[in-house]
Amino acid sequence: MVLEKPNLPLVLRDIPKPKPGKGQLLVRVNACAVCRTDLHILDGELPNPKLPLILGHQIVGRVEATGDGVHGFSQDDRIGIPWLGWTDGDCAYCQSGRENLCDNAKFTGYNIDGGYAEFTVADARYCFHLPDEYDDVEVAPLLCAGMLGYRSYRKTGDAKRLGIYGFGNAAHLIAQVGSYEKKEIFAFTRPGDVAGHDEARKLGAFWAGGSDEMPPEKLDAAIIFAPVGALVPVALRALAKGGTVICGGIHMSDIPSFPYADLWQERVIRSIANLTRRDGEEFLEIAPRVPVKINVETFSLEEANKALGKFRTSELAGNAVLKIAS
């Protein structure tokens, strides 16, 4: 399913089967989860995507062939391919363990063709072996909603009282990890979303309410998964002294001005960019131990536009996953 131009539906195309280059894997795709970032690309909110482009960066498949110089993977291995698809390995960021900030980084389903397809190629350095406890459809959302959500979560440090604004896919997964690690989770959903409050409590939330409400206790940290800049000053006002607001999305609307008093007393606003391989490895290790449970709604490859449309209008029953026919 090919994006030929932003703001237009994806188009079903037959294209040549890709070939793996040096250090790459050719992967037969079994499943690819749909992400809000796919919508940001489709809607032209992320600039300069590769065009034409195959979207998708939560890819699960089997290794069909390996290019020269590949180590650690063999034919028929089940692997996952995430958002961060390539870095130069030489810049100051890569050399200091911050490969997620590499100036020359390339991203799956953005600069590199992704997983809305039967086959894809990927840099073996940025592929993961997957835990056996999950099937292909279940594990796909862990590769972005899980991994990037986990990076946001880890940046909250030893916070005991943790607020989560925007209770979508990433929040559903990370709330389970937080509860497992004995955090008090405060879930903020759309105002009036009673069903969302009930769902959050089932996942272990200590408290659930609308994003227009103040929590009953001051928070040590808050993660904002919703791409809504206006939530930043709201979350700041909910923090205890020294607390941190983590902006966990790749795209967010503008943050409105707010009084310095809301930031004072060593409160911090921090953004999250991409992920490192360490984030992915840690999350895939902890997820089966929790165990993190994933709700999915499956679609065929040809139904990618339908899946994206339901994502846009919040009509999904769980994480949307394209199940690719063999």
C-alpha atoms as a PDB file:
ATOM      1  CA  MET A   1       0.000   0.000   0.000  1.00  0.00           C
ATOM      2  CA  VAL A   2       1.814   3.085  -1.309  1.00  0.00           C
ATOM      3  CA  LEU A   3       1.642   6.731  -0.248  1.00  0.00           C
ATOM      4  CA  GLU A   4       2.143   8.670  -3.476  1.00  0.00           C
ATOM      5  CA  LYS A   5       1.419  12.108  -2.006  1.00  0.00           C
ATOM      6  CA  PRO A   6       0.416  13.388   1.460  1.00  0.00           C
ATOM      7  CA  ASN A   7      -3.303  13.925   2.084  1.00  0.00           C
ATOM      8  CA  LEU A   8      -4.270  11.252  -0.440  1.00  0.00           C
ATOM      9  CA  PRO A   9      -5.340   7.656   0.318  1.00  0.00           C
ATOM     10  CA  LEU A  10      -2.794   4.867   0.016  1.00  0.00           C
ATOM     11  CA  VAL A  11      -2.837   2.988  -3.282  1.00  0.00           C
ATOM     12  CA  LEU A  12      -2.470  -0.761  -3.775  1.00  0.00           C
ATOM     13  CA  ARG A  13       0.511  -1.420  -6.067  1.00  0.00           C
ATOM     14  CA  ASP A  14       2.502  -4.404  -7.317  1.00  0.00           C
ATOM     15  CA  ILE A  15       6.179  -3.477  -7.057  1.00  0.00           C
ATOM     16  CA  PRO A  16       9.370  -5.521  -7.461  1.00  0.00           C
ATOM     17  CA  LYS A  17      10.416  -7.658  -4.527  1.00  0.00           C
ATOM     18  CA  PRO A  18      13.259  -5.822  -2.752  1.00  0.00           C
ATOM     19  CA  LYS A  19      16.731  -7.293  -2.415  1.00  0.00           C
ATOM     20  CA  PRO A  20      18.857  -7.072   0.749  1.00  0.00           C
ATOM     21  CA  GLY A  21      22.027  -5.015   0.511  1.00  0.00           C
ATOM     22  CA  LYS A  22      25.088  -5.216   2.704  1.00  0.00           C
ATOM     23  CA  GLY A  23      24.093  -5.537   6.352  1.00  0.00           C
ATOM     24  CA  GLN A  24      20.398  -5.881   5.491  1.00  0.00           C
ATOM     25  CA  LEU A  25      17.697  -8.498   5.944  1.00  0.00           C
ATOM     26  CA  LEU A  26      14.979  -9.332   3.450  1.00  0.00           C
ATOM     27  CA  VAL A  27      11.855  -9.910   5.538  1.00  0.00           C
ATOM     28  CA  ARG A  28       8.560 -11.539   4.608  1.00  0.00           C
ATOM     29  CA  VAL A  29       6.064  -9.404   6.523  1.00  0.00           C
ATOM     30  CA  ASN A  30       3.467 -11.234   8.617  1.00  0.00           C
ATOM     31  CA  ALA A  31       1.989  -8.269  10.485  1.00  0.00           C
ATOM     32  CA  CYS A  32       2.425  -4.510  10.745  1.00  0.00           C
ATOM     33  CA  ALA A  33       0.728  -2.375  13.387  1.00  0.00           C
ATOM     34  CA  VAL A  34      -0.686   1.043  12.539  1.00  0.00           C
ATOM     35  CA  CYS A  35       0.671   4.041  14.453  1.00  0.00           C
ATOM     36  CA  ARG A  36      -0.413   7.658  14.945  1.00  0.00           C
ATOM     37  CA  THR A  37       2.883   8.630  13.306  1.00  0.00           C
ATOM     38  CA  ASP A  38       1.605   7.003  10.118  1.00  0.00           C
ATOM     39  CA  LEU A  39      -1.275   9.480  10.242  1.00  0.00           C
ATOM     40  CA  HIS A  40       1.111  12.395  10.811  1.00  0.00           C
ATOM     41  CA  ILE A  41       3.027  11.372   7.668  1.00  0.00           C
ATOM     42  CA  LEU A  42      -0.140  10.768   5.669  1.00  0.00           C
ATOM     43  CA  ASP A  43      -1.511  14.179   6.695  1.00  0.00           C
ATOM     44  CA  GLY A  44       1.700  16.026   5.787  1.00  0.00           C
ATOM     45  CA  GLU A  45       2.452  16.988   9.400  1.00  0.00           C
ATOM     46  CA  LEU A  46       5.914  15.396   9.221  1.00  0.00           C
ATOM     47  CA  PRO A  47       7.893  17.050   6.422  1.00  0.00           C
ATOM     48  CA  ASN A  48       9.768  15.584   3.476  1.00  0.00           C
ATOM     49  CA  PRO A  49       8.905  11.887   3.575  1.00  0.00           C
ATOM     50  CA  LYS A  50      10.412   9.640   0.935  1.00  0.00           C
ATOM     51  CA  LEU A  51       7.909   9.534  -1.930  1.00  0.00           C
ATOM     52  CA  PRO A  52       6.509   7.255  -3.095  1.00  0.00           C
ATOM     53  CA  LEU A  53       6.536   5.635   0.344  1.00  0.00           C
ATOM     54  CA  ILE A  54       5.411   2.416   1.989  1.00  0.00           C
ATOM     55  CA  LEU A  55       4.290   3.325   5.510  1.00  0.00           C
ATOM     56  CA  GLY A  56       4.595   1.137   8.593  1.00  0.00           C
ATOM     57  CA  HIS A  57       7.215   0.802  11.319  1.00  0.00           C
ATOM     58  CA  GLN A  58       5.863  -1.844  13.700  1.00  0.00           C
ATOM     59  CA  ILE A  59       6.788  -4.792  11.523  1.00  0.00           C
ATOM     60  CA  VAL A  60       6.837  -8.490  12.389  1.00  0.00           C
ATOM     61  CA  GLY A  61       8.084 -11.047   9.901  1.00  0.00           C
ATOM     62  CA  ARG A  62      10.456 -13.852   9.023  1.00  0.00           C
ATOM     63  CA  VAL A  63      13.929 -13.473   7.559  1.00  0.00           C
ATOM     64  CA  GLU A  64      13.810 -14.588   3.937  1.00  0.00           C
ATOM     65  CA  ALA A  65      17.428 -13.782   3.059  1.00  0.00           C
ATOM     66  CA  THR A  66      20.446 -12.008   4.521  1.00  0.00           C
ATOM     67  CA  GLY A  67      22.839  -9.593   2.871  1.00  0.00           C
ATOM     68  CA  ASP A  68      26.618  -9.655   3.198  1.00  0.00           C
ATOM     69  CA  GLY A  69      27.994  -8.837   6.634  1.00  0.00           C
ATOM     70  CA  VAL A  70      24.889  -9.743   8.635  1.00  0.00           C
ATOM     71  CA  HIS A  71      25.509 -11.252  12.057  1.00  0.00           C
ATOM     72  CA  GLY A  72      23.059 -12.600  14.618  1.00  0.00           C
ATOM     73  CA  PHE A  73      20.209 -13.446  12.245  1.00  0.00           C
ATOM     74  CA  SER A  74      19.459 -16.508  10.126  1.00  0.00           C
ATOM     75  CA  GLN A  75      16.888 -17.458   7.534  1.00  0.00           C
ATOM     76  CA  ASP A  76      13.394 -17.942   9.016  1.00  0.00           C
ATOM     77  CA  ASP A  77      14.190 -16.085  12.262  1.00  0.00           C
ATOM     78  CA  ARG A  78      11.164 -14.154  13.525  1.00  0.00           C
ATOM     79  CA  ILE A  79      12.103 -10.505  13.910  1.00  0.00           C
ATOM     80  CA  GLY A  80      10.669  -7.087  14.662  1.00  0.00           C
ATOM     81  CA  ILE A  81      11.514  -3.880  12.809  1.00  0.00           C
ATOM     82  CA  PRO A  82      10.970  -0.556  14.651  1.00  0.00           C
ATOM     83  CA  TRP A  83      10.792   3.167  13.790  1.00  0.00           C
ATOM     84  CA  LEU A  84      14.539   3.866  14.037  1.00  0.00           C
ATOM     85  CA  GLY A  85      15.858   2.134  10.927  1.00  0.00           C
ATOM     86  CA  TRP A  86      19.420   3.353  10.377  1.00  0.00           C
ATOM     87  CA  THR A  87      22.106   5.575  11.913  1.00  0.00           C
ATOM     88  CA  ASP A  88      25.590   6.450  10.745  1.00  0.00           C
ATOM     89  CA  GLY A  89      27.264   5.060  13.888  1.00  0.00           C
ATOM     90  CA  ASP A  90      30.007   7.681  13.666  1.00  0.00           C
ATOM     91  CA  CYS A  91      28.555  10.979  14.884  1.00  0.00           C
ATOM     92  CA  ALA A  92      28.898  12.356  18.416  1.00  0.00           C
ATOM     93  CA  TYR A  93      25.388  11.201  19.290  1.00  0.00           C
ATOM     94  CA  CYS A  94      25.951   7.627  18.140  1.00  0.00           C
ATOM     95  CA  GLN A  95      29.321   7.477  19.868  1.00  0.00           C
ATOM     96  CA  SER A  96      27.817   8.620  23.179  1.00  0.00           C
ATOM     97  CA  GLY A  97      24.934   6.127  23.302  1.00  0.00           C
ATOM     98  CA  ARG A  98      22.387   8.608  21.941  1.00  0.00           C
ATOM     99  CA  GLU A  99      21.819   7.033  18.547  1.00  0.00           C
ATOM    100  CA  ASN A 100      18.197   8.190  18.717  1.00  0.00           C
ATOM    101  CA  LEU A 101      19.469  11.736  18.069  1.00  0.00           C
ATOM    102  CA  CYS A 102      21.754  10.896  15.119  1.00  0.00           C
ATOM    103  CA  ASP A 103      21.690  13.800  12.639  1.00  0.00           C
ATOM    104  CA  ASN A 104      21.713  11.395   9.690  1.00  0.00           C
ATOM    105  CA  ALA A 105      19.203   8.872  11.066  1.00  0.00           C
ATOM    106  CA  LYS A 106      16.648   7.260   8.787  1.00  0.00           C
ATOM    107  CA  PHE A 107      13.266   6.006   9.910  1.00  0.00           C
ATOM    108  CA  THR A 108      11.212   3.004   8.856  1.00  0.00           C
ATOM    109  CA  GLY A 109       8.062   3.976   6.995  1.00  0.00           C
ATOM    110  CA  TYR A 110       9.288   7.565   6.588  1.00  0.00           C
ATOM    111  CA  ASN A 111      12.740   7.712   4.934  1.00  0.00           C
ATOM    112  CA  ILE A 112      12.828   3.939   4.362  1.00  0.00           C
ATOM    113  CA  ASP A 113      10.016   1.820   2.940  1.00  0.00           C
ATOM    114  CA  GLY A 114       8.124   0.109   5.726  1.00  0.00           C
ATOM    115  CA  GLY A 115       5.777  -2.766   6.438  1.00  0.00           C
ATOM    116  CA  TYR A 116       2.487  -2.053   4.659  1.00  0.00           C
ATOM    117  CA  ALA A 117       3.699  -4.649   2.168  1.00  0.00           C
ATOM    118  CA  GLU A 118       4.408  -8.343   1.726  1.00  0.00           C
ATOM    119  CA  PHE A 119       8.196  -7.860   1.819  1.00  0.00           C
ATOM    120  CA  THR A 120      10.574  -5.256   3.156  1.00  0.00           C
ATOM    121  CA  VAL A 121      14.308  -4.851   3.777  1.00  0.00           C
ATOM    122  CA  ALA A 122      15.834  -3.584   7.005  1.00  0.00           C
ATOM    123  CA  ASP A 123      19.219  -2.843   8.542  1.00  0.00           C
ATOM    124  CA  ALA A 124      19.991  -5.887  10.695  1.00  0.00           C
ATOM    125  CA  ARG A 125      21.520  -3.649  13.381  1.00  0.00           C
ATOM    126  CA  TYR A 126      18.082  -2.238  14.110  1.00  0.00           C
ATOM    127  CA  CYS A 127      16.054  -5.438  14.136  1.00  0.00           C
ATOM    128  CA  PHE A 128      14.987  -7.360  17.233  1.00  0.00           C
ATOM    129  CA  HIS A 129      14.444 -10.994  18.059  1.00  0.00           C
ATOM    130  CA  LEU A 130      10.947 -11.250  19.532  1.00  0.00           C
ATOM    131  CA  PRO A 131       9.676 -13.012  22.670  1.00  0.00           C
ATOM    132  CA  ASP A 132       7.898 -16.308  22.035  1.00  0.00           C
ATOM    133  CA  GLU A 133       5.093 -15.417  24.451  1.00  0.00           C
ATOM    134  CA  TYR A 134       3.378 -13.249  21.806  1.00  0.00           C
ATOM    135  CA  ASP A 135       2.086 -14.149  18.363  1.00  0.00           C
ATOM    136  CA  ASP A 136       2.818 -11.971  15.327  1.00  0.00           C
ATOM    137  CA  VAL A 137      -0.276  -9.791  15.633  1.00  0.00           C
ATOM    138  CA  GLU A 138       0.036  -9.285  19.397  1.00  0.00           C
ATOM    139  CA  VAL A 139       3.713  -8.347  19.349  1.00  0.00           C
ATOM    140  CA  ALA A 140       3.524  -5.815  16.496  1.00  0.00           C
ATOM    141  CA  PRO A 141       2.251  -2.860  18.627  1.00  0.00           C
ATOM    142  CA  LEU A 142       5.095  -3.398  21.095  1.00  0.00           C
ATOM    143  CA  LEU A 143       7.545  -2.179  18.440  1.00  0.00           C
ATOM    144  CA  CYS A 144       6.490   1.476  18.671  1.00  0.00           C
ATOM    145  CA  ALA A 145       3.628   2.126  21.064  1.00  0.00           C
ATOM    146  CA  GLY A 146       5.499  -0.121  23.471  1.00  0.00           C
ATOM    147  CA  MET A 147       9.126   0.806  22.842  1.00  0.00           C
ATOM    148  CA  LEU A 148       8.741   4.571  22.513  1.00  0.00           C
ATOM    149  CA  GLY A 149       6.235   4.560  25.329  1.00  0.00           C
ATOM    150  CA  TYR A 150       8.789   2.686  27.416  1.00  0.00           C
ATOM    151  CA  ARG A 151      11.457   5.301  26.668  1.00  0.00           C
ATOM    152  CA  SER A 152       9.054   8.000  27.863  1.00  0.00           C
ATOM    153  CA  TYR A 153       8.310   5.943  30.960  1.00  0.00           C
ATOM    154  CA  ARG A 154      11.970   5.368  31.802  1.00  0.00           C
ATOM    155  CA  LYS A 155      12.641   9.122  31.587  1.00  0.00           C
ATOM    156  CA  THR A 156      10.282   9.601  34.565  1.00  0.00           C
ATOM    157  CA  GLY A 157      12.942   7.969  36.742  1.00  0.00           C
ATOM    158  CA  ASP A 158      11.844   6.914  40.210  1.00  0.00           C
ATOM    159  CA  ALA A 159       8.546   8.816  40.117  1.00  0.00           C
ATOM    160  CA  LYS A 160       5.989   7.112  42.328  1.00  0.00           C
ATOM    161  CA  ARG A 161       2.898   9.080  41.280  1.00  0.00           C
ATOM    162  CA  LEU A 162       2.792   9.056  37.478  1.00  0.00           C
ATOM    163  CA  GLY A 163       0.223  10.844  35.343  1.00  0.00           C
ATOM    164  CA  ILE A 164      -0.525   9.702  31.789  1.00  0.00           C
ATOM    165  CA  TYR A 165      -2.355  12.119  29.481  1.00  0.00           C
ATOM    166  CA  GLY A 166      -3.933  10.605  26.372  1.00  0.00           C
ATOM    167  CA  PHE A 167      -4.925   7.034  27.127  1.00  0.00           C
ATOM    168  CA  GLY A 168      -4.335   5.478  23.718  1.00  0.00           C
ATOM    169  CA  ASN A 169      -2.192   2.563  22.575  1.00  0.00           C
ATOM    170  CA  ALA A 170       1.078   3.559  24.252  1.00  0.00           C
ATOM    171  CA  ALA A 171      -0.641   4.450  27.508  1.00  0.00           C
ATOM    172  CA  HIS A 172      -2.463   1.111  27.636  1.00  0.00           C
ATOM    173  CA  LEU A 173       0.863  -0.723  27.425  1.00  0.00           C
ATOM    174  CA  ILE A 174       2.919   1.497  29.707  1.00  0.00           C
ATOM    175  CA  ALA A 175       0.260   1.686  32.425  1.00  0.00           C
ATOM    176  CA  GLN A 176       0.638  -2.074  32.784  1.00  0.00           C
ATOM    177  CA  VAL A 177       4.406  -1.769  33.191  1.00  0.00           C
ATOM    178  CA  GLY A 178       3.987   1.040  35.714  1.00  0.00           C
ATOM    179  CA  SER A 179       1.492  -0.946  37.777  1.00  0.00           C
ATOM    180  CA  TYR A 180       3.818  -3.959  37.681  1.00  0.00           C
ATOM    181  CA  GLU A 181       6.593  -1.748  39.074  1.00  0.00           C
ATOM    182  CA  LYS A 182       4.297  -0.482  41.873  1.00  0.00           C
ATOM    183  CA  LYS A 183       3.749   3.016  40.474  1.00  0.00           C
ATOM    184  CA  GLU A 184       0.534   4.898  41.229  1.00  0.00           C
ATOM    185  CA  ILE A 185      -0.888   5.587  37.762  1.00  0.00           C
ATOM    186  CA  PHE A 186      -3.148   8.622  37.271  1.00  0.00           C
ATOM    187  CA  ALA A 187      -4.915   8.292  33.914  1.00  0.00           C
ATOM    188  CA  PHE A 188      -6.190  11.396  32.104  1.00  0.00           C
ATOM    189  CA  THR A 189      -8.597  10.805  29.220  1.00  0.00           C
ATOM    190  CA  ARG A 190     -10.860  13.016  27.147  1.00  0.00           C
ATOM    191  CA  PRO A 191     -13.300  14.886  29.430  1.00  0.00           C
ATOM    192  CA  GLY A 192     -16.407  12.808  30.014  1.00  0.00           C
ATOM    193  CA  ASP A 193     -14.877   9.565  28.725  1.00  0.00           C
ATOM    194  CA  VAL A 194     -16.321   7.326  31.442  1.00  0.00           C
ATOM    195  CA  ALA A 195     -15.576   4.152  29.473  1.00  0.00           C
ATOM    196  CA  GLY A 196     -11.929   5.267  29.192  1.00  0.00           C
ATOM    197  CA  HIS A 197     -11.780   5.776  32.951  1.00  0.00           C
ATOM    198  CA  ASP A 198     -13.097   2.265  33.544  1.00  0.00           C
ATOM    199  CA  GLU A 199     -10.589   0.810  31.079  1.00  0.00           C
ATOM    200  CA  ALA A 200      -7.710   2.619  32.784  1.00  0.00           C
ATOM    201  CA  ARG A 201      -8.746   1.273  36.184  1.00  0.00           C
ATOM    202  CA  LYS A 202      -8.859  -2.269  34.780  1.00  0.00           C
ATOM    203  CA  LEU A 203      -5.252  -1.791  33.688  1.00  0.00           C
ATOM    204  CA  GLY A 204      -4.261  -0.851  37.230  1.00  0.00           C
ATOM    205  CA  ALA A 205      -4.702   2.930  37.329  1.00  0.00           C
ATOM    206  CA  PHE A 206      -4.839   4.321  40.880  1.00  0.00           C
ATOM    207  CA  TRP A 207      -7.081   7.172  39.655  1.00  0.00           C
ATOM    208  CA  ALA A 208      -8.764   8.076  36.380  1.00  0.00           C
ATOM    209  CA  GLY A 209     -10.370  11.322  35.259  1.00  0.00           C
ATOM    210  CA  GLY A 210     -10.620  13.861  32.473  1.00  0.00           C
ATOM    211  CA  SER A 211      -7.706  15.905  31.183  1.00  0.00           C
ATOM    212  CA  ASP A 212      -9.566  18.979  32.444  1.00  0.00           C
ATOM    213  CA  GLU A 213      -9.348  17.722  36.036  1.00  0.00           C
ATOM    214  CA  MET A 214      -6.607  18.040  38.640  1.00  0.00           C
ATOM    215  CA  PRO A 215      -5.507  14.774  40.265  1.00  0.00           C
ATOM    216  CA  PRO A 216      -6.258  14.254  43.965  1.00  0.00           C
ATOM    217  CA  GLU A 217      -2.505  14.303  44.696  1.00  0.00           C
ATOM    218  CA  LYS A 218       0.401  16.152  43.118  1.00  0.00           C
ATOM    219  CA  LEU A 219       2.278  14.058  40.560  1.00  0.00           C
ATOM    220  CA  ASP A 220       5.992  13.261  40.540  1.00  0.00           C
ATOM    221  CA  ALA A 221       5.941  13.018  36.741  1.00  0.00           C
ATOM    222  CA  ALA A 222       3.530  13.061  33.815  1.00  0.00           C
ATOM    223  CA  ILE A 223       3.741  11.635  30.303  1.00  0.00           C
ATOM    224  CA  ILE A 224       1.751  13.299  27.533  1.00  0.00           C
ATOM    225  CA  PHE A 225       1.010  10.844  24.742  1.00  0.00           C
ATOM    226  CA  ALA A 226      -1.778  12.927  23.191  1.00  0.00           C
ATOM    227  CA  PRO A 227      -0.407  15.268  20.459  1.00  0.00           C
ATOM    228  CA  VAL A 228      -1.999  18.261  22.189  1.00  0.00           C
ATOM    229  CA  GLY A 229       0.359  21.064  23.206  1.00  0.00           C
ATOM    230  CA  ALA A 230      -2.269  22.667  25.440  1.00  0.00           C
ATOM    231  CA  LEU A 231      -1.871  19.722  27.835  1.00  0.00           C
ATOM    232  CA  VAL A 232       1.694  20.758  28.722  1.00  0.00           C
ATOM    233  CA  PRO A 233       0.779  23.676  31.028  1.00  0.00           C
ATOM    234  CA  VAL A 234      -2.110  21.585  32.392  1.00  0.00           C
ATOM    235  CA  ALA A 235       0.285  18.799  33.332  1.00  0.00           C
ATOM    236  CA  LEU A 236       2.785  21.262  34.809  1.00  0.00           C
ATOM    237  CA  ARG A 237       0.131  22.539  37.209  1.00  0.00           C
ATOM    238  CA  ALA A 238      -0.489  18.952  38.339  1.00  0.00           C
ATOM    239  CA  LEU A 239       3.179  18.373  39.265  1.00  0.00           C
ATOM    240  CA  ALA A 240       4.835  18.432  42.642  1.00  0.00           C
ATOM    241  CA  LYS A 241       8.037  20.456  43.027  1.00  0.00           C
ATOM    242  CA  GLY A 242      10.871  19.011  40.955  1.00  0.00           C
ATOM    243  CA  GLY A 243       8.467  17.027  38.778  1.00  0.00           C
ATOM    244  CA  THR A 244       8.891  16.318  35.086  1.00  0.00           C
ATOM    245  CA  VAL A 245       6.514  16.499  32.119  1.00  0.00           C
ATOM    246  CA  ILE A 246       7.515  14.107  29.321  1.00  0.00           C
ATOM    247  CA  CYS A 247       6.210  14.869  25.834  1.00  0.00           C
ATOM    248  CA  GLY A 248       6.120  11.391  24.329  1.00  0.00           C
ATOM    249  CA  GLY A 249       5.011  12.034  20.758  1.00  0.00           C
ATOM    250  CA  ILE A 250       6.914  12.781  17.571  1.00  0.00           C
ATOM    251  CA  HIS A 251       4.462  15.557  16.691  1.00  0.00           C
ATOM    252  CA  MET A 252       2.509  17.923  18.924  1.00  0.00           C
ATOM    253  CA  SER A 253       0.424  21.040  18.369  1.00  0.00           C
ATOM    254  CA  ASP A 254       1.900  24.307  19.634  1.00  0.00           C
ATOM    255  CA  ILE A 255       2.317  24.737  23.372  1.00  0.00           C
ATOM    256  CA  PRO A 256       0.489  27.872  24.572  1.00  0.00           C
ATOM    257  CA  SER A 257       2.196  30.399  26.814  1.00  0.00           C
ATOM    258  CA  PHE A 258       1.935  29.864  30.552  1.00  0.00           C
ATOM    259  CA  PRO A 259       3.105  31.674  33.716  1.00  0.00           C
ATOM    260  CA  TYR A 260       6.667  31.047  34.797  1.00  0.00           C
ATOM    261  CA  ALA A 261       5.270  30.158  38.220  1.00  0.00           C
ATOM    262  CA  ASP A 262       3.935  26.904  36.728  1.00  0.00           C
ATOM    263  CA  LEU A 263       7.477  25.880  35.752  1.00  0.00           C
ATOM    264  CA  TRP A 264       9.283  27.293  38.791  1.00  0.00           C
ATOM    265  CA  GLN A 265      10.548  25.141  41.670  1.00  0.00           C
ATOM    266  CA  GLU A 266      12.627  22.977  39.343  1.00  0.00           C
ATOM    267  CA  ARG A 267       9.843  21.492  37.279  1.00  0.00           C
ATOM    268  CA  VAL A 268      11.041  20.213  33.890  1.00  0.00           C
ATOM    269  CA  ILE A 269       9.560  19.779  30.403  1.00  0.00           C
ATOM    270  CA  ARG A 270      11.284  17.136  28.304  1.00  0.00           C
ATOM    271  CA  SER A 271      10.650  15.699  24.843  1.00  0.00           C
ATOM    272  CA  ILE A 272      11.317  12.155  23.679  1.00  0.00           C
ATOM    273  CA  ALA A 273      12.846  11.450  20.281  1.00  0.00           C
ATOM    274  CA  ASN A 274      12.775   8.027  18.672  1.00  0.00           C
ATOM    275  CA  LEU A 275      14.309   5.116  20.590  1.00  0.00           C
ATOM    276  CA  THR A 276      17.612   3.369  21.151  1.00  0.00           C
ATOM    277  CA  ARG A 277      18.245  -0.319  20.722  1.00  0.00           C
ATOM    278  CA  ARG A 278      18.671  -0.567  24.480  1.00  0.00           C
ATOM    279  CA  ASP A 279      15.123   0.759  24.988  1.00  0.00           C
ATOM    280  CA  GLY A 280      13.786  -1.917  22.676  1.00  0.00           C
ATOM    281  CA  GLU A 281      15.751  -4.736  24.257  1.00  0.00           C
ATOM    282  CA  GLU A 282      14.723  -3.730  27.789  1.00  0.00           C
ATOM    283  CA  PHE A 283      11.062  -3.444  26.885  1.00  0.00           C
ATOM    284  CA  LEU A 284      10.932  -6.776  25.057  1.00  0.00           C
ATOM    285  CA  GLU A 285      12.494  -8.359  28.148  1.00  0.00           C
ATOM    286  CA  ILE A 286      10.051  -6.862  30.670  1.00  0.00           C
ATOM    287  CA  ALA A 287       6.841  -7.120  28.609  1.00  0.00           C
ATOM    288  CA  PRO A 288       6.416 -10.918  28.966  1.00  0.00           C
ATOM    289  CA  ARG A 289       7.174 -10.710  32.692  1.00  0.00           C
ATOM    290  CA  VAL A 290       4.385  -8.212  33.423  1.00  0.00           C
ATOM    291  CA  PRO A 291       2.808  -9.704  31.234  1.00  0.00           C
ATOM    292  CA  VAL A 292       1.757  -6.794  29.022  1.00  0.00           C
ATOM    293  CA  LYS A 293      -1.556  -7.611  27.371  1.00  0.00           C
ATOM    294  CA  ILE A 294      -2.428  -6.188  23.962  1.00  0.00           C
ATOM    295  CA  ASN A 295      -5.861  -5.651  22.454  1.00  0.00           C
ATOM    296  CA  VAL A 296      -5.826  -5.684  18.662  1.00  0.00           C
ATOM    297  CA  GLU A 297      -8.188  -5.179  15.763  1.00  0.00           C
ATOM    298  CA  THR A 298      -6.922  -6.785  12.574  1.00  0.00           C
ATOM    299  CA  PHE A 299      -7.221  -5.645   8.974  1.00  0.00           C
ATOM    300  CA  SER A 300      -5.958  -7.006   5.690  1.00  0.00           C
ATOM    301  CA  LEU A 301      -3.206  -5.177   3.813  1.00  0.00           C
ATOM    302  CA  GLU A 302      -5.785  -3.907   1.340  1.00  0.00           C
ATOM    303  CA  GLU A 303      -7.758  -2.403   4.248  1.00  0.00           C
ATOM    304  CA  ALA A 304      -4.917  -0.099   5.342  1.00  0.00           C
ATOM    305  CA  ASN A 305      -6.921   3.043   4.506  1.00  0.00           C
ATOM    306  CA  LYS A 306      -9.852   1.719   6.536  1.00  0.00           C
ATOM    307  CA  ALA A 307      -7.556   1.053   9.512  1.00  0.00           C
ATOM    308  CA  LEU A 308      -6.049   4.545   9.292  1.00  0.00           C
ATOM    309  CA  GLY A 309      -9.520   6.079   9.034  1.00  0.00           C
ATOM    310  CA  LYS A 310     -10.754   4.279  12.134  1.00  0.00           C
ATOM    311  CA  PHE A 311      -7.592   5.323  13.969  1.00  0.00           C
ATOM    312  CA  ARG A 312      -8.221   8.949  13.010  1.00  0.00           C
ATOM    313  CA  THR A 313     -11.781   8.903  14.339  1.00  0.00           C
ATOM    314  CA  SER A 314     -10.978   6.866  17.490  1.00  0.00           C
ATOM    315  CA  GLU A 315     -13.230   4.001  16.421  1.00  0.00           C
ATOM    316  CA  LEU A 316     -10.761   1.180  17.014  1.00  0.00           C
ATOM    317  CA  ALA A 317     -11.410  -1.587  19.520  1.00  0.00           C
ATOM    318  CA  GLY A 318      -7.652  -1.955  20.094  1.00  0.00           C
ATOM    319  CA  ASN A 319      -4.345  -1.521  18.312  1.00  0.00           C
ATOM    320  CA  ALA A 320      -4.896  -1.676  14.551  1.00  0.00           C
ATOM    321  CA  VAL A 321      -2.718  -4.367  12.969  1.00  0.00           C
ATOM    322  CA  LEU A 322      -2.458  -5.232   9.296  1.00  0.00           C
ATOM    323  CA  LYS A 323      -2.291  -9.010   8.992  1.00  0.00           C
ATOM    324  CA  ILE A 324      -0.397  -9.721   5.789  1.00  0.00           C
ATOM    325  CA  ALA A 325      -1.474 -12.829   3.866  1.00  0.00           C
ATOM    326  CA  SER A 326       1.233 -15.412   3.225  1.00  0.00           C
END
